[in-house]
Amino acid sequence: MKNNKFRFGIILLGIAVAAYLLWPYFGKVDLPDLETSSFGSETVRAEVTGIIEAGRIELGGRTQNYQIARVEPLEGEYQGVPLEVDYGKRQVRADDYHLKVGDRIMISISRTPDNVVNAYFVDYIRSTPLLILASLFAIAVLLMSRWKGLRSLIGMGFSLFVIIGYIVPHILAGEDPLKVSILGSIILLTVTLYLTYGWNLKSHAAVIGVVIALLVTGALSGFFVNLARLNGTGDENVMFLMQLMDTRIKLRGLLLGGMIIGALGVLDDLVMTQASAVFELHQANPALGSRELFRSAMRIGQDHVAATVNTLVLAYAGASLPLFLMFSLARGDYGYLVNFSFIAEEIVRTLVGSIGLIASVPITTLLASFLARRFERANRMG
């Protein structure tokens, strides 16, 4: 136990040193300023202090509930100034929220050219329930995996550090999103794998397998994005982003970078599980030759790939469920609809990611089998 804690401390120290050395490069980006024309528009936290009026009204051919609430901003220029929020009396509501006194909400405040201040309901403040859920998640991980779980949580934090501190700023600064995403992915996966599983042959095999699989996924993504003539404009959020920025972003590269990052989570799980399977099989039966060890581990990998690919497809389908409902309601021809860019992008993303996952299994298995057998021969010769 003391040895494990010592090694864990060394790994933490290494992570801290790496973060310290990389941070100046991470922050070495001049982000563009966003110019808006909304006359002082801002979103702030506020508390509902009273309900002035409530009832039902007909708007847009439908009857809906409405409320006029008194709110008090908790921050910003208008902190402490009572404001009225009209929620549902002048605009069609797409929800069934019911404001109550004491609710913490987000409001958008705007000032017109003639200095009339208007406040609008944006959404509820959900920080507290999300923090409770995150705490339960962390406790569950620690109870199940203990020290390894703690290392995985620290690794998750480092992943966010790389995404927020390196990938996002450098893309916003106009650098090639594909290059930034691949480099950032290699950094975060390498560090998190070693942090969680330690400096050993199993981790070496997983890291090398991840790097090769990422390069394969990137190459396939670039080829099929070009072949399908996708330019990255299928997501309306991308177009909105381009309107806000003066810096030109390579939209096709942004699409490719998103495909790379989207495959990371499952790729991490797959390569580590496969490397672990190889070393566990070797430990259980050291007499297995390299070919037998590879074949035995590949049988495990085949089952894992089958389940993982289905999971990946279901994850994308679940996220696009409203889209499927809309198509079914419109009695659309799915064979025709797949040609639209925003659908074709998701299809390419899913299939390219799945191919990258499939490729990672034999690559990692071969590497792990070689390292396991080589380590045993080195021990016998020593």
Protein backbone atom coordinates (compact mmCIF):
# COMPACT_ATOMS: atom_id res chain seq x y z
CA MET A 1 0.00 0.00 0.00
CA LYS A 2 2.82 2.41 0.90
CA ASN A 3 4.51 1.62 -2.41
CA ASN A 4 1.27 2.36 -4.30
CA LYS A 5 0.89 5.68 -2.47
CA PHE A 6 4.49 6.59 -3.25
CA ARG A 7 4.05 5.84 -6.94
CA PHE A 8 0.76 7.75 -6.94
CA GLY A 9 2.55 10.73 -5.42
CA ILE A 10 5.27 10.57 -8.07
CA ILE A 11 2.65 10.46 -10.83
CA LEU A 12 0.80 13.42 -9.32
CA LEU A 13 4.04 15.35 -9.13
CA GLY A 14 4.73 14.55 -12.76
CA ILE A 15 1.26 15.72 -13.78
CA ALA A 16 1.69 18.95 -11.83
CA VAL A 17 5.08 19.62 -13.44
CA ALA A 18 3.68 18.85 -16.91
CA ALA A 19 0.70 21.16 -16.35
CA TYR A 20 3.00 23.92 -15.08
CA LEU A 21 5.30 23.62 -18.09
CA LEU A 22 2.46 23.38 -20.62
CA TRP A 23 0.28 26.14 -19.19
CA PRO A 24 2.23 29.07 -20.71
CA TYR A 25 1.84 27.44 -24.14
CA PHE A 26 -1.82 26.70 -23.45
CA GLY A 27 -2.49 30.31 -22.55
CA LYS A 28 -0.34 31.74 -25.34
CA VAL A 29 -3.37 32.57 -27.47
CA ASP A 30 -5.00 35.91 -28.21
CA LEU A 31 -8.71 35.19 -28.38
CA PRO A 32 -10.88 37.36 -30.62
CA ASP A 33 -13.27 39.83 -29.04
CA LEU A 34 -16.96 39.30 -29.71
CA GLU A 35 -18.85 42.31 -30.89
CA THR A 36 -22.59 42.44 -30.14
CA SER A 37 -25.29 44.97 -30.93
CA SER A 38 -27.82 44.17 -28.22
CA PHE A 39 -27.67 47.50 -26.34
CA GLY A 40 -26.13 46.17 -23.13
CA SER A 41 -27.71 42.70 -23.22
CA GLU A 42 -26.43 40.33 -20.51
CA THR A 43 -27.44 37.19 -18.67
CA VAL A 44 -27.25 37.26 -14.87
CA ARG A 45 -28.44 35.25 -11.87
CA ALA A 46 -31.58 36.48 -10.12
CA GLU A 47 -34.09 35.45 -7.45
CA VAL A 48 -37.86 35.50 -7.81
CA THR A 49 -39.25 37.74 -5.05
CA GLY A 50 -42.92 37.80 -6.04
CA ILE A 51 -45.55 36.77 -8.58
CA ILE A 52 -47.40 39.86 -9.81
CA GLU A 53 -49.79 38.20 -12.24
CA ALA A 54 -50.54 34.69 -13.53
CA GLY A 55 -53.14 33.24 -15.87
CA ARG A 56 -53.73 31.74 -19.30
CA ILE A 57 -53.54 33.45 -22.66
CA GLU A 58 -53.86 32.47 -26.33
CA LEU A 59 -50.78 33.06 -28.47
CA GLY A 60 -49.82 31.65 -31.82
CA GLY A 61 -52.99 29.58 -32.06
CA ARG A 62 -52.45 27.84 -28.71
CA THR A 63 -53.43 28.49 -25.13
CA GLN A 64 -50.64 28.64 -22.57
CA ASN A 65 -49.91 29.69 -19.01
CA TYR A 66 -48.19 32.99 -18.36
CA GLN A 67 -46.63 34.73 -15.37
CA ILE A 68 -45.36 38.19 -14.59
CA ALA A 69 -42.80 37.88 -11.82
CA ARG A 70 -40.80 40.35 -9.77
CA VAL A 71 -37.13 39.39 -9.66
CA GLU A 72 -34.02 40.78 -8.05
CA PRO A 73 -30.69 40.38 -9.88
CA LEU A 74 -27.95 38.89 -7.70
CA GLU A 75 -25.07 40.24 -9.77
CA GLY A 76 -24.17 42.67 -12.48
CA GLU A 77 -25.04 46.29 -13.13
CA TYR A 78 -28.60 45.95 -11.85
CA GLN A 79 -27.82 43.95 -8.69
CA GLY A 80 -30.50 44.54 -6.05
CA VAL A 81 -32.77 46.50 -8.42
CA PRO A 82 -36.31 45.01 -8.60
CA LEU A 83 -37.28 44.10 -12.17
CA GLU A 84 -40.35 42.56 -13.79
CA VAL A 85 -40.10 39.47 -15.94
CA ASP A 86 -42.86 38.77 -18.46
CA TYR A 87 -42.85 35.03 -18.97
CA GLY A 88 -45.35 33.76 -21.52
CA LYS A 89 -47.67 36.76 -21.97
CA ARG A 90 -45.98 38.07 -25.11
CA GLN A 91 -44.03 35.06 -26.39
CA VAL A 92 -44.93 31.45 -27.09
CA ARG A 93 -43.55 29.11 -24.43
CA ALA A 94 -42.06 25.74 -25.28
CA ASP A 95 -41.98 24.50 -21.67
CA ASP A 96 -44.18 24.04 -18.63
CA TYR A 97 -42.03 25.83 -16.05
CA HIS A 98 -43.87 27.48 -13.17
CA LEU A 99 -41.96 30.20 -11.35
CA LYS A 100 -42.26 30.38 -7.57
CA VAL A 101 -41.07 32.84 -4.96
CA GLY A 102 -37.52 31.97 -3.92
CA ASP A 103 -36.57 30.32 -7.24
CA ARG A 104 -33.06 31.10 -8.46
CA ILE A 105 -33.17 31.78 -12.20
CA MET A 106 -31.12 33.28 -15.01
CA ILE A 107 -32.49 36.38 -16.70
CA SER A 108 -31.44 38.34 -19.75
CA ILE A 109 -31.36 42.08 -19.23
CA SER A 110 -31.37 44.51 -22.14
CA ARG A 111 -31.57 48.26 -22.40
CA THR A 112 -33.23 49.84 -25.41
CA PRO A 113 -31.81 52.96 -27.10
CA ASP A 114 -34.27 55.10 -25.09
CA ASN A 115 -32.96 53.56 -21.81
CA VAL A 116 -35.93 51.28 -21.10
CA VAL A 117 -34.71 48.20 -19.19
CA ASN A 118 -36.32 44.85 -20.01
CA ALA A 119 -35.76 41.50 -18.28
CA TYR A 120 -36.55 38.06 -19.70
CA PHE A 121 -36.55 34.59 -18.18
CA VAL A 122 -33.75 32.42 -19.61
CA ASP A 123 -33.63 29.28 -17.47
CA TYR A 124 -33.31 27.94 -13.95
CA ILE A 125 -30.01 27.92 -12.07
CA ARG A 126 -29.10 24.25 -11.80
CA SER A 127 -25.65 24.49 -10.21
CA THR A 128 -26.67 22.93 -6.88
CA PRO A 129 -28.36 19.74 -8.19
CA LEU A 130 -25.56 19.25 -10.72
CA LEU A 131 -22.98 19.64 -7.94
CA ILE A 132 -24.83 17.06 -5.82
CA LEU A 133 -24.92 14.64 -8.76
CA ALA A 134 -21.21 15.18 -9.46
CA SER A 135 -20.44 14.52 -5.79
CA LEU A 136 -22.44 11.27 -5.85
CA PHE A 137 -20.57 10.24 -8.99
CA ALA A 138 -17.20 10.94 -7.37
CA ILE A 139 -18.16 9.04 -4.20
CA ALA A 140 -19.35 6.05 -6.26
CA VAL A 141 -16.07 5.99 -8.21
CA LEU A 142 -13.99 6.20 -5.02
CA LEU A 143 -15.99 3.48 -3.25
CA MET A 144 -15.66 1.14 -6.21
CA SER A 145 -12.08 1.80 -7.34
CA ARG A 146 -10.44 3.54 -4.35
CA TRP A 147 -6.95 4.81 -5.26
CA LYS A 148 -7.40 3.94 -8.91
CA GLY A 149 -10.75 5.75 -8.85
CA LEU A 150 -9.09 8.84 -7.36
CA ARG A 151 -6.48 8.76 -10.12
CA SER A 152 -9.22 8.45 -12.74
CA LEU A 153 -11.03 11.49 -11.32
CA ILE A 154 -7.80 13.49 -11.43
CA GLY A 155 -7.32 12.27 -14.99
CA MET A 156 -10.81 13.47 -15.88
CA GLY A 157 -9.93 16.87 -14.48
CA PHE A 158 -6.74 16.94 -16.57
CA SER A 159 -8.79 16.07 -19.68
CA LEU A 160 -11.02 19.09 -19.06
CA PHE A 161 -7.89 21.16 -18.47
CA VAL A 162 -6.53 20.19 -21.90
CA ILE A 163 -9.84 20.73 -23.70
CA ILE A 164 -10.56 24.12 -22.10
CA GLY A 165 -6.97 25.31 -21.79
CA TYR A 166 -5.53 24.08 -25.08
CA ILE A 167 -7.97 22.72 -27.68
CA VAL A 168 -10.71 25.37 -27.46
CA PRO A 169 -8.46 28.50 -27.30
CA HIS A 170 -6.22 27.36 -30.14
CA ILE A 171 -9.18 26.58 -32.40
CA LEU A 172 -10.72 29.97 -31.60
CA ALA A 173 -7.38 31.59 -32.44
CA GLY A 174 -7.66 30.23 -35.98
CA GLU A 175 -5.30 27.23 -35.82
CA ASP A 176 -6.11 24.04 -37.72
CA PRO A 177 -8.81 22.29 -35.59
CA LEU A 178 -7.80 18.82 -36.77
CA LYS A 179 -4.15 19.26 -35.80
CA VAL A 180 -5.08 20.84 -32.47
CA SER A 181 -7.63 18.12 -31.67
CA ILE A 182 -5.27 15.24 -32.47
CA LEU A 183 -2.39 16.74 -30.49
CA GLY A 184 -4.62 17.61 -27.54
CA SER A 185 -6.21 14.16 -27.61
CA ILE A 186 -2.83 12.43 -27.56
CA ILE A 187 -1.70 14.58 -24.63
CA LEU A 188 -4.79 14.06 -22.51
CA LEU A 189 -5.16 10.34 -23.19
CA THR A 190 -1.48 9.62 -22.62
CA VAL A 191 -1.44 11.47 -19.31
CA THR A 192 -4.77 10.09 -18.06
CA LEU A 193 -3.89 6.50 -18.95
CA TYR A 194 -0.57 6.65 -17.13
CA LEU A 195 -2.15 8.51 -14.23
CA THR A 196 -4.93 5.96 -13.80
CA TYR A 197 -3.08 2.72 -14.54
CA GLY A 198 0.53 3.57 -13.71
CA TRP A 199 3.81 3.33 -15.60
CA ASN A 200 3.82 -0.29 -16.78
CA LEU A 201 3.79 -2.42 -19.90
CA LYS A 202 0.00 -2.56 -19.98
CA SER A 203 -0.21 1.24 -20.07
CA HIS A 204 2.56 1.42 -22.70
CA ALA A 205 0.58 -0.88 -24.99
CA ALA A 206 -2.62 1.11 -24.43
CA VAL A 207 -0.96 4.48 -25.10
CA ILE A 208 0.72 3.33 -28.32
CA GLY A 209 -2.55 1.71 -29.41
CA VAL A 210 -4.45 4.93 -28.72
CA VAL A 211 -2.02 7.07 -30.72
CA ILE A 212 -2.13 4.74 -33.74
CA ALA A 213 -5.94 4.44 -33.56
CA LEU A 214 -6.30 8.23 -33.39
CA LEU A 215 -4.12 8.64 -36.47
CA VAL A 216 -6.17 6.00 -38.31
CA THR A 217 -9.42 7.69 -37.27
CA GLY A 218 -8.11 11.09 -38.37
CA ALA A 219 -7.04 9.77 -41.77
CA LEU A 220 -10.36 8.02 -42.35
CA SER A 221 -12.29 11.09 -41.22
CA GLY A 222 -10.41 13.34 -43.62
CA PHE A 223 -10.87 10.94 -46.54
CA PHE A 224 -14.61 10.38 -46.12
CA VAL A 225 -15.41 14.00 -45.23
CA ASN A 226 -13.79 14.99 -48.53
CA LEU A 227 -15.40 12.10 -50.41
CA ALA A 228 -18.86 12.98 -49.09
CA ARG A 229 -18.23 16.70 -49.74
CA LEU A 230 -18.98 17.74 -46.18
CA ASN A 231 -17.85 21.23 -45.24
CA GLY A 232 -18.81 21.36 -41.54
CA THR A 233 -21.83 23.64 -41.94
CA GLY A 234 -24.40 21.01 -41.01
CA ASP A 235 -24.59 22.21 -37.40
CA GLU A 236 -26.45 25.50 -36.98
CA ASN A 237 -24.28 26.27 -33.93
CA VAL A 238 -21.27 26.45 -36.22
CA MET A 239 -22.92 29.11 -38.37
CA PHE A 240 -23.88 31.08 -35.27
CA LEU A 241 -20.27 30.86 -34.06
CA MET A 242 -18.99 32.17 -37.39
CA GLN A 243 -21.31 35.18 -37.17
CA LEU A 244 -19.90 36.07 -33.74
CA MET A 245 -16.23 35.84 -34.71
CA ASP A 246 -13.93 37.83 -36.93
CA THR A 247 -11.30 35.05 -36.93
CA ARG A 248 -11.89 32.54 -39.70
CA ILE A 249 -12.18 28.94 -38.47
CA LYS A 250 -11.65 26.00 -40.81
CA LEU A 251 -15.10 24.45 -40.60
CA ARG A 252 -14.08 21.18 -42.19
CA GLY A 253 -11.20 20.89 -39.73
CA LEU A 254 -13.61 21.67 -36.89
CA LEU A 255 -15.84 18.82 -38.05
CA LEU A 256 -12.86 16.46 -38.20
CA GLY A 257 -11.63 17.56 -34.78
CA GLY A 258 -15.06 16.91 -33.31
CA MET A 259 -14.99 13.39 -34.74
CA ILE A 260 -11.61 12.75 -33.12
CA ILE A 261 -12.65 14.03 -29.69
CA GLY A 262 -16.00 12.23 -29.90
CA ALA A 263 -14.23 8.87 -30.23
CA LEU A 264 -11.86 9.46 -27.30
CA GLY A 265 -14.00 8.24 -24.43
CA VAL A 266 -14.88 4.88 -25.94
CA LEU A 267 -11.39 4.48 -27.38
CA ASP A 268 -9.87 4.96 -23.93
CA ASP A 269 -12.07 2.22 -22.50
CA LEU A 270 -11.54 -0.17 -25.38
CA VAL A 271 -7.75 -0.09 -25.61
CA MET A 272 -7.25 -0.30 -21.85
CA THR A 273 -9.65 -3.22 -21.51
CA GLN A 274 -7.92 -5.03 -24.35
CA ALA A 275 -4.45 -4.47 -22.92
CA SER A 276 -5.65 -5.66 -19.52
CA ALA A 277 -7.16 -8.79 -21.08
CA VAL A 278 -3.84 -9.69 -22.72
CA PHE A 279 -1.81 -9.34 -19.53
CA GLU A 280 -4.40 -11.16 -17.42
CA LEU A 281 -4.44 -14.06 -19.90
CA HIS A 282 -0.66 -14.16 -19.90
CA GLN A 283 -0.51 -14.15 -16.12
CA ALA A 284 -3.14 -16.90 -15.89
CA ASN A 285 -1.34 -19.09 -18.42
CA PRO A 286 2.29 -18.06 -19.07
CA ALA A 287 2.70 -21.08 -21.35
CA LEU A 288 0.59 -19.42 -24.08
CA GLY A 289 2.67 -18.49 -27.10
CA SER A 290 2.39 -15.11 -28.78
CA ARG A 291 -0.04 -16.39 -31.42
CA GLU A 292 -2.28 -18.20 -28.93
CA LEU A 293 -2.23 -15.19 -26.59
CA PHE A 294 -3.21 -12.89 -29.45
CA ARG A 295 -6.05 -15.16 -30.57
CA SER A 296 -7.44 -15.58 -27.06
CA ALA A 297 -7.41 -11.84 -26.41
CA MET A 298 -8.95 -11.12 -29.81
CA ARG A 299 -11.95 -13.31 -28.95
CA ILE A 300 -12.53 -11.03 -25.97
CA GLY A 301 -11.99 -7.98 -28.17
CA GLN A 302 -14.53 -9.18 -30.73
CA ASP A 303 -17.26 -9.30 -28.09
CA HIS A 304 -16.23 -5.90 -26.75
CA VAL A 305 -16.22 -4.31 -30.21
CA ALA A 306 -19.66 -5.71 -31.02
CA ALA A 307 -21.11 -4.22 -27.84
CA THR A 308 -19.19 -0.93 -28.11
CA VAL A 309 -20.18 -0.21 -31.71
CA ASN A 310 -23.83 -0.76 -30.87
CA THR A 311 -23.43 1.51 -27.84
CA LEU A 312 -21.90 4.23 -30.01
CA VAL A 313 -24.70 4.06 -32.57
CA LEU A 314 -27.35 4.12 -29.84
CA ALA A 315 -25.69 7.12 -28.20
CA TYR A 316 -25.85 9.13 -31.43
CA ALA A 317 -29.40 7.91 -32.12
CA GLY A 318 -30.49 8.94 -28.64
CA ALA A 319 -29.05 12.42 -29.11
CA SER A 320 -30.87 12.69 -32.46
CA LEU A 321 -34.18 11.23 -31.31
CA PRO A 322 -36.16 14.48 -31.83
CA LEU A 323 -34.81 14.55 -35.38
CA PHE A 324 -36.04 11.00 -36.02
CA LEU A 325 -39.46 11.94 -34.65
CA MET A 326 -39.64 14.95 -36.94
CA PHE A 327 -38.77 12.86 -40.00
CA SER A 328 -41.33 10.20 -39.10
CA LEU A 329 -44.00 12.83 -38.52
CA ALA A 330 -43.28 14.36 -41.91
CA ARG A 331 -43.37 10.87 -43.52
CA GLY A 332 -39.96 11.55 -44.97
CA ASP A 333 -37.95 9.16 -47.11
CA TYR A 334 -34.91 8.22 -45.03
CA GLY A 335 -32.99 7.25 -48.15
CA TYR A 336 -33.43 10.82 -49.36
CA LEU A 337 -32.90 12.53 -46.04
CA VAL A 338 -29.47 10.98 -45.40
CA ASN A 339 -28.09 13.21 -48.14
CA PHE A 340 -28.56 16.36 -46.08
CA SER A 341 -25.26 17.55 -44.63
CA PHE A 342 -26.33 17.65 -40.97
CA ILE A 343 -27.43 14.00 -41.15
CA ALA A 344 -24.52 12.86 -43.31
CA GLU A 345 -22.09 14.41 -40.79
CA GLU A 346 -23.52 12.29 -37.98
CA ILE A 347 -23.40 9.15 -40.12
CA VAL A 348 -19.77 9.75 -41.05
CA ARG A 349 -18.95 10.62 -37.43
CA THR A 350 -20.51 7.39 -36.15
CA LEU A 351 -19.06 5.05 -38.77
CA VAL A 352 -15.55 6.54 -38.84
CA GLY A 353 -15.43 6.48 -35.04
CA SER A 354 -16.55 2.86 -35.06
CA ILE A 355 -13.91 1.87 -37.61
CA GLY A 356 -11.26 3.58 -35.48
CA LEU A 357 -12.46 1.59 -32.46
CA ILE A 358 -12.37 -1.66 -34.43
CA ALA A 359 -8.83 -0.92 -35.63
CA SER A 360 -7.67 -0.21 -32.08
CA VAL A 361 -8.46 -3.75 -30.91
CA PRO A 362 -6.00 -5.78 -33.06
CA ILE A 363 -3.41 -3.00 -32.81
CA THR A 364 -3.50 -2.91 -29.00
CA THR A 365 -3.78 -6.69 -28.72
CA LEU A 366 -0.71 -7.20 -30.92
CA LEU A 367 1.30 -4.63 -28.98
CA ALA A 368 0.26 -6.00 -25.60
CA SER A 369 1.00 -9.60 -26.65
CA PHE A 370 4.46 -8.61 -27.86
CA LEU A 371 5.26 -6.66 -24.69
CA ALA A 372 3.93 -9.39 -22.38
CA ARG A 373 6.01 -12.13 -24.05
CA ARG A 374 9.09 -9.91 -24.38
CA PHE A 375 8.91 -8.97 -20.70
CA GLU A 376 8.73 -12.66 -19.74
CA ARG A 377 11.73 -13.54 -21.91
CA ALA A 378 13.68 -10.63 -20.42
CA ASN A 379 12.89 -11.88 -16.92
CA ARG A 380 14.01 -15.42 -17.79
CA MET A 381 17.25 -14.15 -19.33
CA GLY A 382 17.84 -11.90 -16.28
